[in-house]
Amino acid sequence: MEMRRFGKTEMQVSAIGFGCWESSGEYGEFDDQEIIDAVHLALEMGINLYDTAEAYGFGRSETLLGQALAGRRDQAVVVTKFGIYPQDDVHHRDSSPETAQAAIERSLKALNMDYVDVYLIHWPDRDSSFEDAMAKMEDIRSQGKARFVGVSNFRPEQIRQASNGGSVDVVQYGYHLFDRRLERFVFPTVAELDCGLMTYGSLAHGLLAGAYTRDTVFPANDWRARGKAFNLSLLSPDVLSRNVDVVEDLKTIAADLGHTSAQLALRWVLSNKLVSTALVGFRNPDEVRANLEGLDWEMDADTRTRIQAVFERHGVDTAPDVWVEEDGLGIPA
C-alpha cells in the first residue's frame, strides 16, 4: 500500500482510506460482522486510515469501528467528525463549543477509545463563529482527546476564517471523476496551508464501480434515491443513463490497461499528489479485495486525455459553478 504525507500533521497515511459512511444505514442494509471483517482485512492489506462520524448512524458507525479496532488501535489513524444532527427531517448544524465538547465525549465512548487522531467539524455552521469553533477544537486537542483537528466541506474563505482560531491540520471534501469542483478553488488553499487532504466519494458513490444500470432504483432508505450528490446531479433519472454510458466507456479504457473501472477511477484521484488519502466505502471483505488489488501503477498523460475525452463526448460538466451545499450560492470567484 502506498503511504502519503498527511499535510502538516507529518503522519504517514495509506493512499486509500476506509470510509465508514457505508455502515451508517444510509446506503441501505448491511451486516455488522461483514463490516468488522472488512476492517480486519483492510488492516492486513495496508489501510491505516479509518474515517467515520457521529452522524453516520448517530453512533452506530463509530461503535462498529471501535469494535473492529479493539486490540488493533495502534495500527490505525482514526478520524471522526461532529456537528450535524437530525431535526425536523433535516440535518441541523451545530458546531458551538458546548456541542463540540459533548460530541467528542460521545464519540470517544462509542469508539471505546481515549482519543482520536483527527477530529473534524463535519459541515460549516453559519450560526456559530468559525474562529470560535476552531478555538474549541484546539481546546479539545489540548485535552488530549484529538491529536489533530480540521474541517470538512468548508469553503476556502471559511477555512481561512477558522484558521484564525486554530490550526486547520486536515480538510475533507468529495472528489471523483464526475466531480472536480475542488480543483478550481479548494486545492490552492489546501496547498498554501499545507492541510492533509482526505477525499470522499472516490467511486462516485458506486457509479464508477460499474454497480448501476440505466434502470437502477435505490431503496427509499438509501440517500442515493434523492439523485443529487452534494448538489451535483449524479444519479437522478435525467442523467443516470448518460452517466452509466460514461462508465461503460471508462470500462473500455480500464480494460485496455488491464484494470477495472473502479481501479481506473481510484488511480485518477491518486494521480493528484495533493490528495493524502482517497476514501472508499467498504461493506464486506470482497469489496476490499476488489478495490485494493491492481492499484500499483501510475496513470500517464495519454490515459488522462482519453478519460477527459469521454466526459467531453457525453457532455458532462465535471466542475459546475455550484458549491456542495444546496444553498443557492455559487462558488466564489
C-alpha atoms as a PDB file:
ATOM      1  CA  MET A   1       0.000   0.000   0.000  1.00  0.00           C
ATOM      2  CA  GLU A   2       1.324   3.422  -0.975  1.00  0.00           C
ATOM      3  CA  MET A   3       1.799   5.746   2.008  1.00  0.00           C
ATOM      4  CA  ARG A   4       1.483   9.525   1.769  1.00  0.00           C
ATOM      5  CA  ARG A   5       2.312  12.535   3.915  1.00  0.00           C
ATOM      6  CA  PHE A   6      -0.787  13.813   5.736  1.00  0.00           C
ATOM      7  CA  GLY A   7      -0.106  17.510   5.325  1.00  0.00           C
ATOM      8  CA  LYS A   8       1.335  19.427   8.255  1.00  0.00           C
ATOM      9  CA  THR A   9       0.483  16.577  10.651  1.00  0.00           C
ATOM     10  CA  GLU A  10       3.535  14.784   9.194  1.00  0.00           C
ATOM     11  CA  MET A  11       1.733  11.478   9.747  1.00  0.00           C
ATOM     12  CA  GLN A  12       2.012   8.860   7.022  1.00  0.00           C
ATOM     13  CA  VAL A  13      -1.371   7.574   5.873  1.00  0.00           C
ATOM     14  CA  SER A  14      -2.430   4.975   3.338  1.00  0.00           C
ATOM     15  CA  ALA A  15      -3.313   6.371  -0.080  1.00  0.00           C
ATOM     16  CA  ILE A  16      -6.656   4.570   0.229  1.00  0.00           C
ATOM     17  CA  GLY A  17      -8.650   5.208   3.392  1.00  0.00           C
ATOM     18  CA  PHE A  18     -11.555   3.175   4.757  1.00  0.00           C
ATOM     19  CA  GLY A  19     -14.738   5.266   4.665  1.00  0.00           C
ATOM     20  CA  CYS A  20     -17.345   4.246   7.242  1.00  0.00           C
ATOM     21  CA  TRP A  21     -20.394   6.052   5.851  1.00  0.00           C
ATOM     22  CA  GLU A  22     -21.392   2.667   4.412  1.00  0.00           C
ATOM     23  CA  SER A  23     -22.038   1.436   7.962  1.00  0.00           C
ATOM     24  CA  SER A  24     -24.491   4.215   8.780  1.00  0.00           C
ATOM     25  CA  GLY A  25     -27.631   2.683   7.279  1.00  0.00           C
ATOM     26  CA  GLU A  26     -27.866   5.484   4.709  1.00  0.00           C
ATOM     27  CA  TYR A  27     -26.625   3.125   1.990  1.00  0.00           C
ATOM     28  CA  GLY A  28     -29.278   0.559   2.838  1.00  0.00           C
ATOM     29  CA  GLU A  29     -28.905  -2.536   4.966  1.00  0.00           C
ATOM     30  CA  PHE A  30     -25.550  -4.054   5.893  1.00  0.00           C
ATOM     31  CA  ASP A  31     -24.172  -6.821   8.077  1.00  0.00           C
ATOM     32  CA  ASP A  32     -22.232  -5.765  11.185  1.00  0.00           C
ATOM     33  CA  GLN A  33     -19.849  -8.713  11.102  1.00  0.00           C
ATOM     34  CA  GLU A  34     -19.047  -8.187   7.431  1.00  0.00           C
ATOM     35  CA  ILE A  35     -18.100  -4.578   8.188  1.00  0.00           C
ATOM     36  CA  ILE A  36     -15.830  -5.748  11.023  1.00  0.00           C
ATOM     37  CA  ASP A  37     -14.281  -8.413   8.795  1.00  0.00           C
ATOM     38  CA  ALA A  38     -13.723  -5.783   6.098  1.00  0.00           C
ATOM     39  CA  VAL A  39     -11.833  -3.574   8.578  1.00  0.00           C
ATOM     40  CA  HIS A  40      -9.645  -6.505   9.623  1.00  0.00           C
ATOM     41  CA  LEU A  41      -8.792  -7.359   6.015  1.00  0.00           C
ATOM     42  CA  ALA A  42      -8.139  -3.702   5.199  1.00  0.00           C
ATOM     43  CA  LEU A  43      -5.621  -3.549   8.053  1.00  0.00           C
ATOM     44  CA  GLU A  44      -3.896  -6.647   6.700  1.00  0.00           C
ATOM     45  CA  MET A  45      -3.757  -5.108   3.221  1.00  0.00           C
ATOM     46  CA  GLY A  46      -2.163  -1.896   4.476  1.00  0.00           C
ATOM     47  CA  ILE A  47      -5.002   0.583   5.026  1.00  0.00           C
ATOM     48  CA  ASN A  48      -4.247   2.561   8.175  1.00  0.00           C
ATOM     49  CA  LEU A  49      -6.771   5.442   7.947  1.00  0.00           C
ATOM     50  CA  TYR A  50     -10.405   4.958   9.036  1.00  0.00           C
ATOM     51  CA  ASP A  51     -12.931   7.772   8.666  1.00  0.00           C
ATOM     52  CA  THR A  52     -16.256   7.866  10.491  1.00  0.00           C
ATOM     53  CA  ALA A  53     -18.590  10.480  12.010  1.00  0.00           C
ATOM     54  CA  GLU A  54     -21.084  10.838  14.818  1.00  0.00           C
ATOM     55  CA  ALA A  55     -23.736  11.445  12.150  1.00  0.00           C
ATOM     56  CA  TYR A  56     -23.121   8.070  10.471  1.00  0.00           C
ATOM     57  CA  GLY A  57     -25.974   6.182  12.052  1.00  0.00           C
ATOM     58  CA  PHE A  58     -25.635   8.564  15.010  1.00  0.00           C
ATOM     59  CA  GLY A  59     -23.137   6.416  16.834  1.00  0.00           C
ATOM     60  CA  ARG A  60     -23.642   3.098  15.070  1.00  0.00           C
ATOM     61  CA  SER A  61     -20.749   3.511  12.636  1.00  0.00           C
ATOM     62  CA  GLU A  62     -18.387   4.685  15.376  1.00  0.00           C
ATOM     63  CA  THR A  63     -19.391   1.776  17.603  1.00  0.00           C
ATOM     64  CA  LEU A  64     -18.739  -0.752  14.833  1.00  0.00           C
ATOM     65  CA  LEU A  65     -15.366   0.777  14.020  1.00  0.00           C
ATOM     66  CA  GLY A  66     -14.407   0.692  17.683  1.00  0.00           C
ATOM     67  CA  GLN A  67     -15.333  -2.977  17.877  1.00  0.00           C
ATOM     68  CA  ALA A  68     -13.340  -3.743  14.734  1.00  0.00           C
ATOM     69  CA  LEU A  69     -10.242  -1.945  16.029  1.00  0.00           C
ATOM     70  CA  ALA A  70     -10.340  -3.462  19.525  1.00  0.00           C
ATOM     71  CA  GLY A  71      -6.818  -4.693  20.210  1.00  0.00           C
ATOM     72  CA  ARG A  72      -5.631  -3.040  16.986  1.00  0.00           C
ATOM     73  CA  ARG A  73      -5.847   0.655  17.894  1.00  0.00           C
ATOM     74  CA  ASP A  74      -2.130   1.243  17.368  1.00  0.00           C
ATOM     75  CA  GLN A  75      -2.452   0.149  13.728  1.00  0.00           C
ATOM     76  CA  ALA A  76      -4.997   2.817  12.786  1.00  0.00           C
ATOM     77  CA  VAL A  77      -5.318   6.544  12.194  1.00  0.00           C
ATOM     78  CA  VAL A  78      -8.886   7.218  13.349  1.00  0.00           C
ATOM     79  CA  VAL A  79     -10.832  10.222  12.058  1.00  0.00           C
ATOM     80  CA  THR A  80     -14.280  11.242  13.239  1.00  0.00           C
ATOM     81  CA  LYS A  81     -16.472  14.287  12.769  1.00  0.00           C
ATOM     82  CA  PHE A  82     -19.243  16.153  14.574  1.00  0.00           C
ATOM     83  CA  GLY A  83     -21.731  18.926  14.020  1.00  0.00           C
ATOM     84  CA  ILE A  84     -24.828  17.672  12.173  1.00  0.00           C
ATOM     85  CA  TYR A  85     -27.932  16.379  13.954  1.00  0.00           C
ATOM     86  CA  PRO A  86     -31.445  15.332  12.863  1.00  0.00           C
ATOM     87  CA  GLN A  87     -34.124  17.961  13.341  1.00  0.00           C
ATOM     88  CA  ASP A  88     -37.482  18.055  11.535  1.00  0.00           C
ATOM     89  CA  ASP A  89     -36.295  15.579   8.864  1.00  0.00           C
ATOM     90  CA  VAL A  90     -33.207  17.647   8.049  1.00  0.00           C
ATOM     91  CA  HIS A  91     -29.660  17.707   9.347  1.00  0.00           C
ATOM     92  CA  HIS A  92     -29.291  20.691  11.663  1.00  0.00           C
ATOM     93  CA  ARG A  93     -25.753  22.038  12.041  1.00  0.00           C
ATOM     94  CA  ASP A  94     -24.254  22.925  15.389  1.00  0.00           C
ATOM     95  CA  SER A  95     -20.537  23.397  15.975  1.00  0.00           C
ATOM     96  CA  SER A  96     -20.835  25.546  19.091  1.00  0.00           C
ATOM     97  CA  PRO A  97     -18.163  24.970  21.770  1.00  0.00           C
ATOM     98  CA  GLU A  98     -20.682  23.285  24.070  1.00  0.00           C
ATOM     99  CA  THR A  99     -21.780  20.881  21.343  1.00  0.00           C
ATOM    100  CA  ALA A 100     -18.185  20.141  20.349  1.00  0.00           C
ATOM    101  CA  GLN A 101     -17.250  19.152  23.894  1.00  0.00           C
ATOM    102  CA  ALA A 102     -20.285  16.926  24.352  1.00  0.00           C
ATOM    103  CA  ALA A 103     -19.800  15.387  20.909  1.00  0.00           C
ATOM    104  CA  ILE A 104     -16.177  14.360  21.419  1.00  0.00           C
ATOM    105  CA  GLU A 105     -17.158  12.679  24.679  1.00  0.00           C
ATOM    106  CA  ARG A 106     -19.931  10.738  22.907  1.00  0.00           C
ATOM    107  CA  SER A 107     -17.656   9.753  20.038  1.00  0.00           C
ATOM    108  CA  LEU A 108     -14.880   8.501  22.296  1.00  0.00           C
ATOM    109  CA  LYS A 109     -17.400   6.457  24.255  1.00  0.00           C
ATOM    110  CA  ALA A 110     -18.863   4.954  21.064  1.00  0.00           C
ATOM    111  CA  LEU A 111     -15.400   4.202  19.675  1.00  0.00           C
ATOM    112  CA  ASN A 112     -14.221   2.911  23.070  1.00  0.00           C
ATOM    113  CA  MET A 113     -11.054   4.982  22.692  1.00  0.00           C
ATOM    114  CA  ASP A 114      -9.227   7.584  24.765  1.00  0.00           C
ATOM    115  CA  TYR A 115      -8.501   9.820  21.778  1.00  0.00           C
ATOM    116  CA  VAL A 116      -8.939  10.154  18.020  1.00  0.00           C
ATOM    117  CA  ASP A 117      -6.131  11.028  15.670  1.00  0.00           C
ATOM    118  CA  VAL A 118      -8.157  13.618  13.751  1.00  0.00           C
ATOM    119  CA  TYR A 119     -11.335  15.463  14.784  1.00  0.00           C
ATOM    120  CA  LEU A 120     -13.246  17.441  12.145  1.00  0.00           C
ATOM    121  CA  ILE A 121     -16.173  19.851  12.028  1.00  0.00           C
ATOM    122  CA  HIS A 122     -18.437  17.973   9.596  1.00  0.00           C
ATOM    123  CA  TRP A 123     -20.177  20.922   7.894  1.00  0.00           C
ATOM    124  CA  PRO A 124     -19.915  24.700   8.335  1.00  0.00           C
ATOM    125  CA  ASP A 125     -22.377  26.027  10.901  1.00  0.00           C
ATOM    126  CA  ARG A 126     -23.192  29.599   9.896  1.00  0.00           C
ATOM    127  CA  ASP A 127     -24.827  30.281  13.261  1.00  0.00           C
ATOM    128  CA  SER A 128     -21.505  29.817  15.043  1.00  0.00           C
ATOM    129  CA  SER A 129     -18.251  31.705  14.654  1.00  0.00           C
ATOM    130  CA  PHE A 130     -15.807  29.626  12.614  1.00  0.00           C
ATOM    131  CA  GLU A 131     -12.966  31.179  14.611  1.00  0.00           C
ATOM    132  CA  ASP A 132     -14.561  30.274  17.955  1.00  0.00           C
ATOM    133  CA  ALA A 133     -15.380  26.776  16.725  1.00  0.00           C
ATOM    134  CA  MET A 134     -11.749  26.202  15.757  1.00  0.00           C
ATOM    135  CA  ALA A 135     -10.539  27.610  19.060  1.00  0.00           C
ATOM    136  CA  LYS A 136     -12.675  24.975  20.779  1.00  0.00           C
ATOM    137  CA  MET A 137     -11.142  22.303  18.560  1.00  0.00           C
ATOM    138  CA  GLU A 138      -7.739  23.451  19.795  1.00  0.00           C
ATOM    139  CA  ASP A 139      -9.033  23.120  23.352  1.00  0.00           C
ATOM    140  CA  ILE A 140     -10.119  19.543  22.615  1.00  0.00           C
ATOM    141  CA  ARG A 141      -6.625  18.904  21.269  1.00  0.00           C
ATOM    142  CA  SER A 142      -5.101  20.317  24.462  1.00  0.00           C
ATOM    143  CA  GLN A 143      -7.271  17.912  26.477  1.00  0.00           C
ATOM    144  CA  GLY A 144      -5.548  15.032  24.678  1.00  0.00           C
ATOM    145  CA  LYS A 145      -8.782  13.874  23.047  1.00  0.00           C
ATOM    146  CA  ALA A 146      -7.632  14.605  19.484  1.00  0.00           C
ATOM    147  CA  ARG A 147      -4.129  14.742  18.056  1.00  0.00           C
ATOM    148  CA  PHE A 148      -5.064  16.906  15.078  1.00  0.00           C
ATOM    149  CA  VAL A 149      -8.111  18.951  14.088  1.00  0.00           C
ATOM    150  CA  GLY A 150      -9.719  20.342  10.970  1.00  0.00           C
ATOM    151  CA  VAL A 151     -12.847  20.863   8.899  1.00  0.00           C
ATOM    152  CA  SER A 152     -14.955  19.159   6.243  1.00  0.00           C
ATOM    153  CA  ASN A 153     -16.908  20.721   3.361  1.00  0.00           C
ATOM    154  CA  PHE A 154     -15.834  24.288   4.221  1.00  0.00           C
ATOM    155  CA  ARG A 155     -15.464  26.903   1.515  1.00  0.00           C
ATOM    156  CA  PRO A 156     -11.932  28.313   1.106  1.00  0.00           C
ATOM    157  CA  GLU A 157     -12.792  31.583   2.848  1.00  0.00           C
ATOM    158  CA  GLN A 158     -14.379  29.629   5.712  1.00  0.00           C
ATOM    159  CA  ILE A 159     -11.165  27.644   6.145  1.00  0.00           C
ATOM    160  CA  ARG A 160      -9.257  30.904   6.456  1.00  0.00           C
ATOM    161  CA  GLN A 161     -11.734  32.268   8.996  1.00  0.00           C
ATOM    162  CA  ALA A 162     -11.469  29.073  11.027  1.00  0.00           C
ATOM    163  CA  SER A 163      -7.673  29.190  10.900  1.00  0.00           C
ATOM    164  CA  ASN A 164      -7.790  32.444  12.879  1.00  0.00           C
ATOM    165  CA  GLY A 165      -8.926  30.359  15.853  1.00  0.00           C
ATOM    166  CA  GLY A 166      -6.558  27.425  15.459  1.00  0.00           C
ATOM    167  CA  SER A 167      -4.575  25.272  13.085  1.00  0.00           C
ATOM    168  CA  VAL A 168      -6.621  23.622  10.338  1.00  0.00           C
ATOM    169  CA  ASP A 169      -4.492  20.492  10.031  1.00  0.00           C
ATOM    170  CA  VAL A 170      -6.796  18.356   7.885  1.00  0.00           C
ATOM    171  CA  VAL A 171      -9.657  19.009   5.453  1.00  0.00           C
ATOM    172  CA  GLN A 172     -12.115  16.662   3.764  1.00  0.00           C
ATOM    173  CA  TYR A 173     -14.121  17.044   0.525  1.00  0.00           C
ATOM    174  CA  GLY A 174     -15.808  14.998  -2.171  1.00  0.00           C
ATOM    175  CA  TYR A 175     -13.673  14.420  -5.273  1.00  0.00           C
ATOM    176  CA  HIS A 176     -14.058  11.992  -8.153  1.00  0.00           C
ATOM    177  CA  LEU A 177     -14.123  11.853 -11.938  1.00  0.00           C
ATOM    178  CA  PHE A 178     -17.659  13.245 -12.122  1.00  0.00           C
ATOM    179  CA  ASP A 179     -16.986  15.968  -9.525  1.00  0.00           C
ATOM    180  CA  ARG A 180     -13.843  18.068  -9.895  1.00  0.00           C
ATOM    181  CA  ARG A 181     -15.103  21.294  -8.346  1.00  0.00           C
ATOM    182  CA  LEU A 182     -12.273  21.293  -5.800  1.00  0.00           C
ATOM    183  CA  GLU A 183      -9.614  21.797  -8.429  1.00  0.00           C
ATOM    184  CA  ARG A 184     -10.619  25.383  -9.154  1.00  0.00           C
ATOM    185  CA  PHE A 185     -10.781  26.872  -5.678  1.00  0.00           C
ATOM    186  CA  VAL A 186     -10.125  24.493  -2.789  1.00  0.00           C
ATOM    187  CA  PHE A 187      -6.880  22.898  -3.947  1.00  0.00           C
ATOM    188  CA  PRO A 188      -4.892  26.172  -3.967  1.00  0.00           C
ATOM    189  CA  THR A 189      -5.935  26.857  -0.361  1.00  0.00           C
ATOM    190  CA  VAL A 190      -5.072  23.307   0.702  1.00  0.00           C
ATOM    191  CA  ALA A 191      -1.623  23.623  -0.851  1.00  0.00           C
ATOM    192  CA  GLU A 192      -0.973  27.056   0.672  1.00  0.00           C
ATOM    193  CA  LEU A 193      -1.987  26.000   4.205  1.00  0.00           C
ATOM    194  CA  ASP A 194      -0.365  22.539   3.881  1.00  0.00           C
ATOM    195  CA  CYS A 195      -3.517  20.748   5.024  1.00  0.00           C
ATOM    196  CA  GLY A 196      -3.801  16.992   4.888  1.00  0.00           C
ATOM    197  CA  LEU A 197      -6.471  16.311   2.245  1.00  0.00           C
ATOM    198  CA  MET A 198      -8.981  13.484   2.559  1.00  0.00           C
ATOM    199  CA  THR A 199     -11.298  12.994  -0.402  1.00  0.00           C
ATOM    200  CA  TYR A 200     -14.559  11.063  -0.235  1.00  0.00           C
ATOM    201  CA  GLY A 201     -16.862   9.639  -2.900  1.00  0.00           C
ATOM    202  CA  SER A 202     -13.858   8.353  -4.852  1.00  0.00           C
ATOM    203  CA  LEU A 203     -16.059   5.940  -6.827  1.00  0.00           C
ATOM    204  CA  ALA A 204     -18.894   8.462  -7.268  1.00  0.00           C
ATOM    205  CA  HIS A 205     -20.894   6.605  -4.622  1.00  0.00           C
ATOM    206  CA  GLY A 206     -20.768   3.337  -6.555  1.00  0.00           C
ATOM    207  CA  LEU A 207     -21.285   4.700 -10.064  1.00  0.00           C
ATOM    208  CA  LEU A 208     -17.632   4.389 -11.089  1.00  0.00           C
ATOM    209  CA  ALA A 209     -17.500   0.841  -9.781  1.00  0.00           C
ATOM    210  CA  GLY A 210     -19.936  -0.091 -12.543  1.00  0.00           C
ATOM    211  CA  ALA A 211     -22.533  -1.053  -9.968  1.00  0.00           C
ATOM    212  CA  TYR A 212     -25.521   0.616 -11.676  1.00  0.00           C
ATOM    213  CA  THR A 213     -27.541   0.256 -14.843  1.00  0.00           C
ATOM    214  CA  ARG A 214     -29.903   2.690 -16.543  1.00  0.00           C
ATOM    215  CA  ASP A 215     -32.752   1.029 -14.642  1.00  0.00           C
ATOM    216  CA  THR A 216     -31.212   1.150 -11.171  1.00  0.00           C
ATOM    217  CA  VAL A 217     -33.674   2.257  -8.486  1.00  0.00           C
ATOM    218  CA  PHE A 218     -32.430   2.887  -4.959  1.00  0.00           C
ATOM    219  CA  PRO A 219     -34.428   1.881  -1.864  1.00  0.00           C
ATOM    220  CA  ALA A 220     -36.248   4.679  -0.071  1.00  0.00           C
ATOM    221  CA  ASN A 221     -33.878   4.403   2.919  1.00  0.00           C
ATOM    222  CA  ASP A 222     -30.820   4.930   0.692  1.00  0.00           C
ATOM    223  CA  TRP A 223     -29.683   8.564   0.395  1.00  0.00           C
ATOM    224  CA  ARG A 224     -28.802   7.982  -3.277  1.00  0.00           C
ATOM    225  CA  ALA A 225     -32.524   7.769  -4.026  1.00  0.00           C
ATOM    226  CA  ARG A 226     -32.509  11.582  -3.946  1.00  0.00           C
ATOM    227  CA  GLY A 227     -30.484  11.572  -7.170  1.00  0.00           C
ATOM    228  CA  LYS A 228     -28.318  14.550  -6.292  1.00  0.00           C
ATOM    229  CA  ALA A 229     -24.947  14.037  -4.637  1.00  0.00           C
ATOM    230  CA  PHE A 230     -23.730  17.141  -2.841  1.00  0.00           C
ATOM    231  CA  ASN A 231     -25.648  19.492  -5.113  1.00  0.00           C
ATOM    232  CA  LEU A 232     -24.491  17.680  -8.250  1.00  0.00           C
ATOM    233  CA  SER A 233     -26.871  15.743 -10.483  1.00  0.00           C
ATOM    234  CA  LEU A 234     -25.260  12.321 -10.498  1.00  0.00           C
ATOM    235  CA  LEU A 235     -27.840   9.576 -10.050  1.00  0.00           C
ATOM    236  CA  SER A 236     -31.101  11.356 -10.833  1.00  0.00           C
ATOM    237  CA  PRO A 237     -33.243   9.844 -13.640  1.00  0.00           C
ATOM    238  CA  ASP A 238     -32.473  12.662 -16.074  1.00  0.00           C
ATOM    239  CA  VAL A 239     -28.718  11.949 -16.078  1.00  0.00           C
ATOM    240  CA  LEU A 240     -28.347   8.348 -14.884  1.00  0.00           C
ATOM    241  CA  SER A 241     -28.471   6.805 -18.375  1.00  0.00           C
ATOM    242  CA  ARG A 242     -25.847   9.227 -19.668  1.00  0.00           C
ATOM    243  CA  ASN A 243     -23.590   8.659 -16.661  1.00  0.00           C
ATOM    244  CA  VAL A 244     -23.878   4.882 -16.990  1.00  0.00           C
ATOM    245  CA  ASP A 245     -22.792   5.273 -20.628  1.00  0.00           C
ATOM    246  CA  VAL A 246     -19.781   7.267 -19.434  1.00  0.00           C
ATOM    247  CA  VAL A 247     -18.801   4.454 -17.085  1.00  0.00           C
ATOM    248  CA  GLU A 248     -19.155   1.901 -19.888  1.00  0.00           C
ATOM    249  CA  ASP A 249     -16.661   3.906 -21.946  1.00  0.00           C
ATOM    250  CA  LEU A 250     -14.339   4.154 -18.943  1.00  0.00           C
ATOM    251  CA  LYS A 251     -14.503   0.376 -18.573  1.00  0.00           C
ATOM    252  CA  THR A 252     -13.085   0.093 -22.089  1.00  0.00           C
ATOM    253  CA  ILE A 253     -10.147   2.331 -21.198  1.00  0.00           C
ATOM    254  CA  ALA A 254      -9.593   0.404 -17.974  1.00  0.00           C
ATOM    255  CA  ALA A 255      -9.703  -2.946 -19.772  1.00  0.00           C
ATOM    256  CA  ASP A 256      -7.061  -1.750 -22.244  1.00  0.00           C
ATOM    257  CA  LEU A 257      -4.813  -1.194 -19.217  1.00  0.00           C
ATOM    258  CA  GLY A 258      -5.721  -4.458 -17.518  1.00  0.00           C
ATOM    259  CA  HIS A 259      -7.796  -2.815 -14.792  1.00  0.00           C
ATOM    260  CA  THR A 260     -11.398  -2.325 -13.684  1.00  0.00           C
ATOM    261  CA  SER A 261     -13.296   0.963 -13.893  1.00  0.00           C
ATOM    262  CA  ALA A 262     -13.013   1.257 -10.096  1.00  0.00           C
ATOM    263  CA  GLN A 263      -9.239   0.871 -10.203  1.00  0.00           C
ATOM    264  CA  LEU A 264      -9.059   3.426 -13.010  1.00  0.00           C
ATOM    265  CA  ALA A 265     -11.156   5.888 -11.008  1.00  0.00           C
ATOM    266  CA  LEU A 266      -9.106   5.443  -7.838  1.00  0.00           C
ATOM    267  CA  ARG A 267      -5.818   5.803  -9.690  1.00  0.00           C
ATOM    268  CA  TRP A 268      -7.157   9.010 -11.276  1.00  0.00           C
ATOM    269  CA  VAL A 269      -7.871  10.515  -7.848  1.00  0.00           C
ATOM    270  CA  LEU A 270      -4.481   9.425  -6.533  1.00  0.00           C
ATOM    271  CA  SER A 271      -2.697  10.908  -9.541  1.00  0.00           C
ATOM    272  CA  ASN A 272      -3.303  14.265  -7.852  1.00  0.00           C
ATOM    273  CA  LYS A 273      -0.470  14.420  -5.333  1.00  0.00           C
ATOM    274  CA  LEU A 274      -2.332  16.950  -3.176  1.00  0.00           C
ATOM    275  CA  VAL A 275      -4.633  14.091  -2.134  1.00  0.00           C
ATOM    276  CA  SER A 276      -3.317  12.466   1.038  1.00  0.00           C
ATOM    277  CA  THR A 277      -5.894   9.685   1.138  1.00  0.00           C
ATOM    278  CA  ALA A 278      -8.865   8.775  -1.048  1.00  0.00           C
ATOM    279  CA  LEU A 279     -11.715   7.311   0.982  1.00  0.00           C
ATOM    280  CA  VAL A 280     -13.588   4.270  -0.266  1.00  0.00           C
ATOM    281  CA  GLY A 281     -16.620   2.766   1.452  1.00  0.00           C
ATOM    282  CA  PHE A 282     -16.417  -0.983   2.006  1.00  0.00           C
ATOM    283  CA  ARG A 283     -19.314  -3.208   3.081  1.00  0.00           C
ATOM    284  CA  ASN A 284     -17.520  -6.568   3.102  1.00  0.00           C
ATOM    285  CA  PRO A 285     -14.091  -8.173   2.589  1.00  0.00           C
ATOM    286  CA  ASP A 286     -14.762  -8.919  -1.088  1.00  0.00           C
ATOM    287  CA  GLU A 287     -15.110  -5.198  -1.811  1.00  0.00           C
ATOM    288  CA  VAL A 288     -11.827  -4.528  -0.015  1.00  0.00           C
ATOM    289  CA  ARG A 289     -10.002  -7.067  -2.168  1.00  0.00           C
ATOM    290  CA  ALA A 290     -11.603  -5.905  -5.420  1.00  0.00           C
ATOM    291  CA  ASN A 291     -10.719  -2.257  -4.872  1.00  0.00           C
ATOM    292  CA  LEU A 292      -7.229  -2.601  -3.415  1.00  0.00           C
ATOM    293  CA  GLU A 293      -5.844  -5.036  -5.950  1.00  0.00           C
ATOM    294  CA  GLY A 294      -4.473  -3.551  -9.140  1.00  0.00           C
ATOM    295  CA  LEU A 295      -3.599  -0.065  -7.837  1.00  0.00           C
ATOM    296  CA  ASP A 296       0.178  -0.380  -8.126  1.00  0.00           C
ATOM    297  CA  TRP A 297       0.582   1.669 -11.299  1.00  0.00           C
ATOM    298  CA  GLU A 298       0.821   5.279 -12.417  1.00  0.00           C
ATOM    299  CA  MET A 299      -1.593   6.985 -14.788  1.00  0.00           C
ATOM    300  CA  ASP A 300       0.093   8.576 -17.789  1.00  0.00           C
ATOM    301  CA  ALA A 301      -0.939  11.722 -19.641  1.00  0.00           C
ATOM    302  CA  ASP A 302      -2.386   9.775 -22.566  1.00  0.00           C
ATOM    303  CA  THR A 303      -4.777   7.897 -20.281  1.00  0.00           C
ATOM    304  CA  ARG A 304      -5.882  11.128 -18.633  1.00  0.00           C
ATOM    305  CA  THR A 305      -6.535  12.593 -22.083  1.00  0.00           C
ATOM    306  CA  ARG A 306      -8.625   9.567 -23.086  1.00  0.00           C
ATOM    307  CA  ILE A 307     -10.644   9.848 -19.874  1.00  0.00           C
ATOM    308  CA  GLN A 308     -11.292  13.545 -20.390  1.00  0.00           C
ATOM    309  CA  ALA A 309     -12.432  12.892 -23.955  1.00  0.00           C
ATOM    310  CA  VAL A 310     -15.120  10.530 -22.653  1.00  0.00           C
ATOM    311  CA  PHE A 311     -16.630  13.212 -20.433  1.00  0.00           C
ATOM    312  CA  GLU A 312     -16.488  15.808 -23.190  1.00  0.00           C
ATOM    313  CA  ARG A 313     -18.078  13.442 -25.700  1.00  0.00           C
ATOM    314  CA  HIS A 314     -21.017  12.826 -23.373  1.00  0.00           C
ATOM    315  CA  GLY A 315     -21.348  16.498 -22.418  1.00  0.00           C
ATOM    316  CA  VAL A 316     -20.685  16.027 -18.692  1.00  0.00           C
ATOM    317  CA  ASP A 317     -19.805  19.194 -16.784  1.00  0.00           C
ATOM    318  CA  THR A 318     -17.497  17.938 -14.034  1.00  0.00           C
ATOM    319  CA  ALA A 319     -16.983  21.337 -12.404  1.00  0.00           C
ATOM    320  CA  PRO A 320     -20.302  23.234 -12.379  1.00  0.00           C
ATOM    321  CA  ASP A 321     -20.429  26.620 -10.709  1.00  0.00           C
ATOM    322  CA  VAL A 322     -22.316  25.393  -7.653  1.00  0.00           C
ATOM    323  CA  TRP A 323     -20.956  24.607  -4.230  1.00  0.00           C
ATOM    324  CA  VAL A 324     -21.546  21.303  -2.426  1.00  0.00           C
ATOM    325  CA  GLU A 325     -24.498  22.715  -0.487  1.00  0.00           C
ATOM    326  CA  GLU A 326     -27.937  23.435  -1.870  1.00  0.00           C
ATOM    327  CA  ASP A 327     -27.924  26.980  -0.553  1.00  0.00           C
ATOM    328  CA  GLY A 328     -28.376  28.885  -3.797  1.00  0.00           C
ATOM    329  CA  LEU A 329     -24.862  30.271  -3.613  1.00  0.00           C
ATOM    330  CA  GLY A 330     -22.354  29.783  -6.392  1.00  0.00           C
ATOM    331  CA  ILE A 331     -18.674  29.130  -5.854  1.00  0.00           C
ATOM    332  CA  PRO A 332     -16.978  32.478  -5.141  1.00  0.00           C
ATOM    333  CA  ALA A 333     -14.786  33.734  -7.945  1.00  0.00           C
END
